[in-house]
Protein backbone atom coordinates (compact mmCIF):
# COMPACT_ATOMS: atom_id res chain seq x y z
CA UNK A 1 -14.87 -9.87 -38.05
CA UNK A 2 -11.10 -9.44 -38.42
CA UNK A 3 -11.28 -5.94 -36.95
CA UNK A 4 -13.18 -7.28 -33.93
CA UNK A 5 -10.60 -10.01 -33.35
CA UNK A 6 -7.76 -7.50 -33.66
CA UNK A 7 -9.43 -5.06 -31.25
CA UNK A 8 -10.18 -7.83 -28.77
CA UNK A 9 -6.59 -9.05 -28.94
CA UNK A 10 -5.21 -5.56 -28.34
CA UNK A 11 -7.52 -4.98 -25.36
CA UNK A 12 -6.70 -8.34 -23.74
CA UNK A 13 -2.98 -7.85 -24.35
CA UNK A 14 -2.99 -4.38 -22.77
CA UNK A 15 -5.00 -5.68 -19.82
CA UNK A 16 -2.65 -8.64 -19.20
CA UNK A 17 0.51 -6.54 -19.50
CA UNK A 18 -1.00 -3.89 -17.22
CA UNK A 19 -1.79 -6.53 -14.59
CA UNK A 20 1.72 -7.93 -14.87
CA UNK A 21 3.24 -4.47 -14.44
CA UNK A 22 1.09 -3.43 -11.49
CA UNK A 23 2.88 -5.66 -8.96
CA UNK A 24 6.37 -4.14 -9.40
CA UNK A 25 4.82 -0.67 -9.49
CA UNK A 26 2.81 -1.33 -6.32
CA UNK A 27 5.87 -2.76 -4.53
CA UNK A 28 7.73 0.48 -5.17
CA UNK A 29 4.74 2.52 -3.95
CA UNK A 30 4.51 0.56 -0.70
CA UNK A 31 7.78 2.14 0.40
CA UNK A 32 5.73 5.31 0.98
CA UNK A 33 2.14 4.21 1.60
CA UNK A 34 0.36 1.13 2.92
CA UNK A 35 -1.58 -1.17 0.53
CA UNK A 36 -4.97 -0.29 2.05
CA UNK A 37 -4.91 3.45 1.41
CA UNK A 38 -3.11 2.92 -1.88
CA UNK A 39 -6.03 0.74 -3.01
CA UNK A 40 -8.64 3.23 -1.76
CA UNK A 41 -7.01 6.17 -3.58
CA UNK A 42 -6.61 4.08 -6.71
CA UNK A 43 -10.09 2.63 -6.96
CA UNK A 44 -11.76 5.73 -5.59
CA UNK A 45 -10.47 7.52 -8.69
CA UNK A 46 -11.33 4.56 -10.94
CA UNK A 47 -14.88 4.56 -9.59
CA UNK A 48 -15.36 8.26 -10.32
CA UNK A 49 -14.02 7.83 -13.87
CA UNK A 50 -16.23 4.80 -14.56
CA UNK A 51 -19.32 6.56 -13.19
CA UNK A 52 -18.69 9.52 -15.50
CA UNK A 53 -18.22 7.26 -18.53
CA UNK A 54 -21.31 5.16 -17.73
CA UNK A 55 -23.44 8.27 -17.22
CA UNK A 56 -22.24 9.62 -20.57
CA UNK A 57 -22.67 6.34 -22.47
CA UNK A 58 -25.85 4.85 -20.97
CA UNK A 59 -27.51 7.57 -18.90
CA UNK A 60 -29.03 7.55 -15.42
CA UNK A 61 -31.09 4.40 -16.04
CA UNK A 62 -27.86 2.35 -16.10
CA UNK A 63 -27.42 2.99 -12.35
CA UNK A 64 -30.50 0.99 -11.42
CA UNK A 65 -29.72 -2.25 -9.58
CA UNK A 66 -32.91 -3.92 -10.89
CA UNK A 67 -33.36 -5.87 -7.68
CA UNK A 68 -29.85 -7.38 -7.95
CA UNK A 69 -28.14 -5.02 -5.53
CA UNK A 70 -27.16 -7.69 -3.01
CA UNK A 71 -25.64 -9.95 -5.67
CA UNK A 72 -23.87 -6.99 -7.22
CA UNK A 73 -22.49 -5.94 -3.83
CA UNK A 74 -21.25 -9.49 -3.13
CA UNK A 75 -19.40 -9.82 -6.44
CA UNK A 76 -18.07 -6.27 -6.17
CA UNK A 77 -16.79 -7.00 -2.67
CA UNK A 78 -15.05 -10.15 -3.93
CA UNK A 79 -13.20 -8.11 -6.54
CA UNK A 80 -12.65 -4.65 -5.12
CA UNK A 81 -12.32 -5.52 -1.43
CA UNK A 82 -11.12 -9.11 -1.12
CA UNK A 83 -8.98 -9.15 -4.26
CA UNK A 84 -7.55 -5.65 -4.27
CA UNK A 85 -6.87 -5.36 -0.54
CA UNK A 86 -5.63 -8.90 0.07
CA UNK A 87 -3.39 -9.30 -2.96
CA UNK A 88 -1.43 -6.12 -2.22
CA UNK A 89 -1.49 -6.71 1.51
CA UNK A 90 0.03 -10.15 0.97
CA UNK A 91 2.54 -8.78 -1.54
CA UNK A 92 3.64 -6.09 0.89
CA UNK A 93 4.04 -8.57 3.77
CA UNK A 94 6.22 -10.83 1.62
CA UNK A 95 8.49 -8.01 0.54
CA UNK A 96 10.43 -8.37 -2.70
CA UNK A 97 9.43 -12.00 -3.21
CA UNK A 98 5.79 -10.93 -3.06
CA UNK A 99 6.05 -9.32 -6.50
CA UNK A 100 6.48 -12.63 -8.35
CA UNK A 101 4.23 -14.52 -5.92
CA UNK A 102 1.31 -12.17 -6.58
CA UNK A 103 1.88 -12.28 -10.33
CA UNK A 104 2.08 -16.07 -10.42
CA UNK A 105 -1.09 -16.38 -8.36
CA UNK A 106 -2.79 -14.01 -10.81
CA UNK A 107 -1.80 -16.19 -13.75
CA UNK A 108 -3.35 -19.21 -12.01
CA UNK A 109 -6.85 -17.72 -12.30
CA UNK A 110 -7.91 -19.90 -15.27
CA UNK A 111 -6.83 -23.05 -13.43
CA UNK A 112 -8.45 -21.93 -10.17
CA UNK A 113 -11.72 -21.30 -12.03
CA UNK A 114 -11.60 -24.88 -13.32
CA UNK A 115 -11.22 -26.22 -9.77
CA UNK A 116 -14.03 -23.99 -8.43
CA UNK A 117 -16.37 -25.08 -11.24
CA UNK A 118 -15.57 -28.69 -10.40
CA UNK A 119 -16.10 -28.28 -6.63
CA UNK A 120 -19.18 -26.04 -6.65
CA UNK A 121 -20.95 -26.68 -9.96
CA UNK A 122 -19.82 -30.32 -10.36
CA UNK A 123 -18.33 -29.60 -13.81
CA UNK A 124 -15.69 -32.32 -13.81
CA UNK A 125 -12.74 -31.29 -16.01
CA UNK A 126 -11.06 -33.56 -18.53
CA UNK A 127 -8.15 -35.68 -17.22
CA UNK A 128 -5.70 -33.72 -19.40
CA UNK A 129 -7.01 -30.46 -17.93
CA UNK A 130 -6.46 -31.84 -14.43
CA UNK A 131 -2.88 -32.67 -15.43
CA UNK A 132 -2.42 -29.06 -16.58
CA UNK A 133 -3.87 -27.80 -13.27
CA UNK A 134 -1.38 -29.96 -11.37
CA UNK A 135 1.51 -28.75 -13.56
CA UNK A 136 0.59 -25.11 -12.99
CA UNK A 137 0.34 -25.77 -9.25
CA UNK A 138 3.89 -27.16 -9.26
CA UNK A 139 5.04 -24.05 -11.09
CA UNK A 140 3.40 -21.80 -8.52
CA UNK A 141 4.96 -23.74 -5.64
CA UNK A 142 8.43 -23.34 -7.17
CA UNK A 143 8.04 -19.56 -7.45
CA UNK A 144 6.47 -19.08 -4.01
CA UNK A 145 8.87 -21.33 -2.07
CA UNK A 146 11.98 -20.66 -4.20
CA UNK A 147 12.53 -24.42 -4.16
CA UNK A 148 12.75 -24.70 -0.37
CA UNK A 149 9.32 -26.00 0.66
CA UNK A 150 10.39 -27.05 4.16
CA UNK A 151 11.71 -23.61 5.05
CA UNK A 152 8.62 -21.98 3.54
CA UNK A 153 6.22 -24.07 5.62
CA UNK A 154 8.30 -23.49 8.73
CA UNK A 155 7.48 -19.79 8.99
CA UNK A 156 4.14 -17.96 9.09
CA UNK A 157 5.92 -14.92 7.62
CA UNK A 158 5.55 -16.64 4.24
CA UNK A 159 2.53 -18.91 4.60
CA UNK A 160 -0.03 -16.34 5.81
CA UNK A 161 0.76 -13.66 3.19
CA UNK A 162 0.67 -16.33 0.46
CA UNK A 163 -2.74 -17.46 1.70
CA UNK A 164 -3.94 -13.85 1.58
CA UNK A 165 -2.87 -13.64 -2.07
CA UNK A 166 -4.56 -16.96 -2.85
CA UNK A 167 -7.82 -15.80 -1.22
CA UNK A 168 -7.56 -12.57 -3.22
CA UNK A 169 -7.23 -14.42 -6.51
CA UNK A 170 -10.17 -16.70 -5.66
CA UNK A 171 -12.18 -13.52 -4.97
CA UNK A 172 -11.48 -12.22 -8.48
CA UNK A 173 -12.38 -15.59 -10.03
CA UNK A 174 -15.74 -15.48 -8.21
CA UNK A 175 -16.27 -11.93 -9.48
CA UNK A 176 -15.54 -13.02 -13.04
CA UNK A 177 -17.96 -15.93 -12.77
CA UNK A 178 -20.55 -13.57 -11.33
CA UNK A 179 -20.51 -11.62 -14.57
CA UNK A 180 -22.62 -14.40 -16.10
CA UNK A 181 -25.52 -13.32 -13.87
CA UNK A 182 -25.35 -9.86 -15.45
CA UNK A 183 -24.81 -10.94 -19.06
CA UNK A 184 -27.75 -8.74 -20.13
CA UNK A 185 -25.81 -5.71 -18.87
CA UNK A 186 -22.95 -4.05 -20.71
CA UNK A 187 -19.40 -4.74 -19.52
CA UNK A 188 -19.13 -1.06 -18.57
CA UNK A 189 -22.26 -1.16 -16.42
CA UNK A 190 -21.27 -4.32 -14.54
CA UNK A 191 -17.74 -3.00 -14.04
CA UNK A 192 -18.89 0.41 -12.80
CA UNK A 193 -21.60 -0.63 -10.35
CA UNK A 194 -19.64 -3.55 -8.91
CA UNK A 195 -16.57 -1.30 -8.57
CA UNK A 196 -18.66 1.35 -6.78
CA UNK A 197 -20.12 -1.06 -4.22
CA UNK A 198 -16.91 -3.01 -3.71
CA UNK A 199 -14.82 0.12 -3.23
CA UNK A 200 -17.27 1.48 -0.63
CA UNK A 201 -16.85 -1.80 1.29
CA UNK A 202 -13.06 -1.52 0.99
CA UNK A 203 -13.27 2.05 2.32
CA UNK A 204 -15.06 0.89 5.48
CA UNK A 205 -12.50 -1.90 5.97
CA UNK A 206 -9.66 0.61 5.61
CA UNK A 207 -11.24 3.06 8.05
CA UNK A 208 -11.76 0.21 10.51
CA UNK A 209 -8.11 -0.85 10.21
CA UNK A 210 -7.11 2.79 10.83
CA UNK A 211 -9.32 3.13 13.91
CA UNK A 212 -7.80 0.05 15.58
CA UNK A 213 -4.33 1.41 14.84
CA UNK A 214 -3.25 -1.24 12.30
CA UNK A 215 -2.51 1.27 9.54
CA UNK A 216 -1.70 5.01 9.73
CA UNK A 217 -3.33 7.76 7.72
CA UNK A 218 -0.82 8.66 4.95
CA UNK A 219 0.79 12.08 5.03
CA UNK A 220 0.53 14.53 2.15
CA UNK A 221 4.17 14.03 1.11
CA UNK A 222 3.59 10.25 0.99
CA UNK A 223 0.63 10.70 -1.33
CA UNK A 224 2.68 13.03 -3.53
CA UNK A 225 5.50 10.47 -3.66
CA UNK A 226 3.18 7.79 -5.05
CA UNK A 227 1.44 10.13 -7.50
CA UNK A 228 3.06 8.58 -10.61
CA UNK A 229 2.34 5.07 -9.31
CA UNK A 230 -1.31 5.94 -8.69
CA UNK A 231 -1.65 7.50 -12.13
CA UNK A 232 -0.42 4.33 -13.81
CA UNK A 233 -2.54 2.07 -11.58
CA UNK A 234 -5.68 4.13 -12.16
CA UNK A 235 -5.39 4.40 -15.94
CA UNK A 236 -4.01 1.01 -17.00
CA UNK A 237 -4.65 -1.82 -14.47
CA UNK A 238 -7.68 0.16 -13.30
CA UNK A 239 -9.94 1.60 -16.00
CA UNK A 240 -8.43 0.24 -19.23
CA UNK A 241 -7.71 -3.29 -17.99
CA UNK A 242 -11.00 -3.67 -16.10
CA UNK A 243 -13.29 -2.57 -18.92
CA UNK A 244 -10.99 -3.58 -21.79
CA UNK A 245 -10.67 -7.17 -20.58
CA UNK A 246 -14.44 -7.60 -20.28
CA UNK A 247 -14.93 -6.18 -23.78
CA UNK A 248 -12.07 -8.27 -25.16
CA UNK A 249 -13.52 -11.47 -23.72
CA UNK A 250 -16.80 -10.68 -25.47
CA UNK A 251 -15.05 -10.14 -28.80
CA UNK A 252 -12.69 -13.12 -28.62
CA UNK A 253 -14.54 -15.63 -26.38
CA UNK A 254 -13.22 -16.64 -22.92
CA UNK A 255 -11.15 -19.49 -24.39
CA UNK A 256 -9.20 -17.19 -26.70
CA UNK A 257 -8.89 -14.40 -24.14
CA UNK A 258 -7.35 -16.70 -21.53
CA UNK A 259 -4.27 -17.09 -23.73
CA UNK A 260 -3.31 -13.52 -22.88
CA UNK A 261 -3.06 -14.36 -19.16
CA UNK A 262 0.37 -15.75 -20.07
CA UNK A 263 1.63 -12.19 -20.41
CA UNK A 264 0.98 -11.43 -16.71
CA UNK A 265 3.95 -13.33 -15.15
CA UNK A 266 6.16 -12.67 -18.18
CA UNK A 267 5.66 -8.91 -17.80
CA UNK A 268 6.32 -9.05 -14.06
CA UNK A 269 9.47 -11.09 -14.58
CA UNK A 270 10.71 -8.73 -17.30
CA UNK A 271 10.14 -5.58 -15.21
CA UNK A 272 11.72 -7.18 -12.13
CA UNK A 273 14.87 -7.90 -14.14
CA UNK A 274 14.99 -4.32 -15.45
CA UNK A 275 14.59 -2.97 -11.92
CA UNK A 276 17.56 -5.07 -10.83
CA UNK A 277 15.55 -7.16 -8.39
CA UNK A 278 16.66 -10.65 -7.46
CA UNK A 279 15.11 -13.25 -9.79
CA UNK A 280 15.87 -16.91 -9.13
CA UNK A 281 15.95 -19.93 -11.42
CA UNK A 282 12.79 -21.10 -9.64
CA UNK A 283 10.99 -17.97 -10.84
CA UNK A 284 11.92 -18.78 -14.44
CA UNK A 285 11.09 -22.50 -14.21
CA UNK A 286 7.84 -21.95 -12.31
CA UNK A 287 6.69 -19.28 -14.77
CA UNK A 288 7.54 -21.55 -17.70
CA UNK A 289 5.54 -24.43 -16.21
CA UNK A 290 2.47 -22.24 -15.75
CA UNK A 291 2.68 -20.89 -19.30
CA UNK A 292 3.11 -24.40 -20.71
CA UNK A 293 0.12 -25.69 -18.74
CA UNK A 294 -2.11 -22.78 -19.84
CA UNK A 295 -1.12 -23.15 -23.50
CA UNK A 296 -1.46 -26.94 -23.46
CA UNK A 297 -4.91 -26.86 -21.91
CA UNK A 298 -6.04 -24.15 -24.32
CA UNK A 299 -4.84 -26.13 -27.34
CA UNK A 300 -6.47 -29.29 -25.99
CA UNK A 301 -9.84 -27.57 -25.47
CA UNK A 302 -9.63 -26.01 -28.94
CA UNK A 303 -9.05 -29.45 -30.44
CA UNK A 304 -12.07 -30.88 -28.63
CA UNK A 305 -14.17 -27.90 -29.71
CA UNK A 306 -13.19 -28.36 -33.37
CA UNK A 307 -14.00 -32.07 -33.24
CA UNK A 308 -17.38 -31.31 -31.68
CA UNK A 309 -18.16 -28.70 -34.36
CA UNK A 310 -17.05 -31.06 -37.12
CA UNK A 311 -19.25 -33.84 -35.75
CA UNK A 312 -22.23 -31.47 -35.50
CA UNK A 313 -21.74 -30.31 -39.09
CA UNK A 314 -21.43 -33.89 -40.33
CA UNK A 315 -24.61 -34.88 -38.52
CA UNK A 316 -26.39 -31.84 -39.97
CA UNK A 317 -25.18 -32.71 -43.46
CA UNK A 318 -26.42 -36.29 -43.14
CA UNK A 319 -29.78 -35.02 -41.92
CA UNK A 320 -30.16 -32.68 -44.90
CA UNK A 321 -29.20 -35.38 -47.38
């Protein structure tokens, strides 16, 4: 049991830190290549690696869609087209400020999932949870607007890219929720097949954007320049984080795993400081508010869970006696 908890913690920690580091790394890569082709090269390689691992671990039978191909394609598109293309597209359009904006939006995933569950599945959250959602929203606004909301709203140069990032994050939340429909599959199988279908969709989107002249085909020297960036993005935020997070959630439970999301903005902030990028007081305060809200809600839900378990045990004891 202890070994499982330790392994799950390590996997979730590596995944969260990898996700936090990918935004500064991607920002540096976008000086040489556009986000669309960068994503295609990255997840094209990830797909090949995952296919090889799945074939080795589970054999050819694991590649059967079992009549769920359309659902699998939808969830894969949400993650590997909507999320991966939009989040880096928005980050690139925002420039330097997009690094922290994308990271902060990523860390809001637990809170966004609460709102989606409330709106779509009518799972009304506790009042304290709603307070934490509001607090995290305030934190995100501070980071995105740098404290100047009026100036932010007055220009589409900031609003539209931020909306792209928000849509991207919602796409990943939907993908994560979709995993429940494939709970009888292994995390590796769901990750591989959804990645395959979603990346194919992203490829067609990228080719379409190229044909209308929105993005250019990268030159060989540009691809060589981002080689180290791609290697990191393929290995860590790609294969290890994707599969490791799903395994870690299974070992720890979603409630425990969500604690590690706190490392996403912290890692981004730390790397940005090391790189000498401009970091404002609003970045620090906004990040702190989001971390506090995530921790507070997690502690609150744990307390409720313990009370419920204690009540169930007491009722069971009375029934036995």
